[in-house]
Protein backbone atom coordinates (compact mmCIF):
# COMPACT_ATOMS: atom_id res chain seq x y z
CA UNK A 1 83.99 -17.87 -3.70
CA UNK A 2 81.84 -20.94 -3.00
CA UNK A 3 78.74 -18.77 -2.56
CA UNK A 4 79.30 -17.24 -6.00
CA UNK A 5 79.69 -20.70 -7.53
CA UNK A 6 76.37 -21.88 -6.10
CA UNK A 7 74.59 -19.34 -8.29
CA UNK A 8 76.07 -20.76 -11.49
CA UNK A 9 73.99 -22.97 -13.75
CA UNK A 10 74.18 -24.97 -16.99
CA UNK A 11 77.24 -24.27 -19.10
CA UNK A 12 79.20 -23.05 -16.09
CA UNK A 13 79.03 -26.56 -14.63
CA UNK A 14 81.48 -27.82 -17.27
CA UNK A 15 83.86 -24.96 -16.59
CA UNK A 16 83.75 -25.74 -12.88
CA UNK A 17 84.40 -29.44 -13.55
CA UNK A 18 87.43 -28.55 -15.69
CA UNK A 19 88.70 -26.26 -12.95
CA UNK A 20 88.12 -28.93 -10.29
CA UNK A 21 90.15 -31.43 -12.32
CA UNK A 22 92.96 -28.90 -12.76
CA UNK A 23 93.20 -28.10 -9.06
CA UNK A 24 93.04 -31.81 -8.20
CA UNK A 25 96.08 -32.36 -10.41
CA UNK A 26 97.82 -29.54 -8.56
CA UNK A 27 96.91 -31.28 -5.29
CA UNK A 28 94.80 -28.32 -4.17
CA UNK A 29 92.28 -30.71 -2.66
CA UNK A 30 90.39 -28.21 -0.53
CA UNK A 31 89.61 -26.05 -3.57
CA UNK A 32 88.64 -29.11 -5.62
CA UNK A 33 86.30 -30.20 -2.82
CA UNK A 34 84.64 -26.78 -2.72
CA UNK A 35 84.16 -26.73 -6.49
CA UNK A 36 82.69 -30.24 -6.62
CA UNK A 37 80.46 -29.57 -3.61
CA UNK A 38 79.14 -26.48 -5.40
CA UNK A 39 78.28 -28.44 -8.53
CA UNK A 40 76.52 -31.14 -6.50
CA UNK A 41 74.58 -28.50 -4.59
CA UNK A 42 73.48 -26.88 -7.87
CA UNK A 43 72.50 -30.19 -9.45
CA UNK A 44 72.56 -33.31 -7.24
CA UNK A 45 71.66 -35.46 -10.27
CA UNK A 46 74.94 -34.58 -12.04
CA UNK A 47 76.55 -37.99 -11.72
CA UNK A 48 79.99 -36.97 -12.98
CA UNK A 49 80.46 -34.51 -10.12
CA UNK A 50 79.73 -37.27 -7.61
CA UNK A 51 82.16 -39.59 -9.42
CA UNK A 52 84.90 -36.97 -9.51
CA UNK A 53 84.39 -36.24 -5.82
CA UNK A 54 84.61 -39.97 -5.05
CA UNK A 55 87.96 -39.98 -6.84
CA UNK A 56 89.07 -36.94 -4.85
CA UNK A 57 88.20 -38.69 -1.58
CA UNK A 58 90.02 -41.84 -2.68
CA UNK A 59 93.17 -39.89 -3.58
CA UNK A 60 93.06 -38.38 -0.10
CA UNK A 61 92.76 -41.89 1.42
CA UNK A 62 89.22 -41.20 2.65
CA UNK A 63 87.72 -44.52 1.60
CA UNK A 64 84.45 -44.12 3.51
CA UNK A 65 83.54 -40.83 1.87
CA UNK A 66 84.62 -42.22 -1.49
CA UNK A 67 82.31 -45.20 -1.01
CA UNK A 68 79.44 -42.92 -0.01
CA UNK A 69 79.80 -40.91 -3.23
CA UNK A 70 80.18 -44.08 -5.31
CA UNK A 71 76.87 -45.32 -3.86
CA UNK A 72 75.19 -42.19 -5.19
CA UNK A 73 76.81 -42.59 -8.61
CA UNK A 74 75.77 -46.23 -8.93
CA UNK A 75 72.25 -45.47 -7.70
CA UNK A 76 71.90 -42.81 -10.40
CA UNK A 77 73.72 -44.72 -13.13
CA UNK A 78 74.08 -48.46 -12.38
CA UNK A 79 76.41 -49.02 -15.37
CA UNK A 80 78.81 -46.16 -14.62
CA UNK A 81 82.11 -47.84 -15.49
CA UNK A 82 84.37 -45.50 -13.49
CA UNK A 83 82.26 -45.94 -10.35
CA UNK A 84 82.14 -49.71 -10.71
CA UNK A 85 85.91 -49.85 -11.29
CA UNK A 86 86.50 -47.59 -8.28
CA UNK A 87 84.28 -49.75 -6.13
CA UNK A 88 86.22 -52.82 -7.24
CA UNK A 89 89.53 -51.19 -6.33
CA UNK A 90 88.30 -50.18 -2.88
CA UNK A 91 86.78 -53.58 -2.11
CA UNK A 92 89.79 -55.51 -3.39
């Protein structure tokens, strides 16, 4: 399944993001991780996938991995509100 997703490009990225959000809400974290990893592998400059994965890590109480993804988001988009807010919550 993840191999097939790696081949997807462009418009499929949005569909995968929607699916990742849906499975996150269902607490299917492993599937959400695979989907987000696939998007990042396809396009590492897609900031929203990094931000969503940071949120996924945070929900799973994996603060270090969340911080690592937030660093990427902020490096790519220094004014990314969600990433800055997430960083503030973690460092509180």
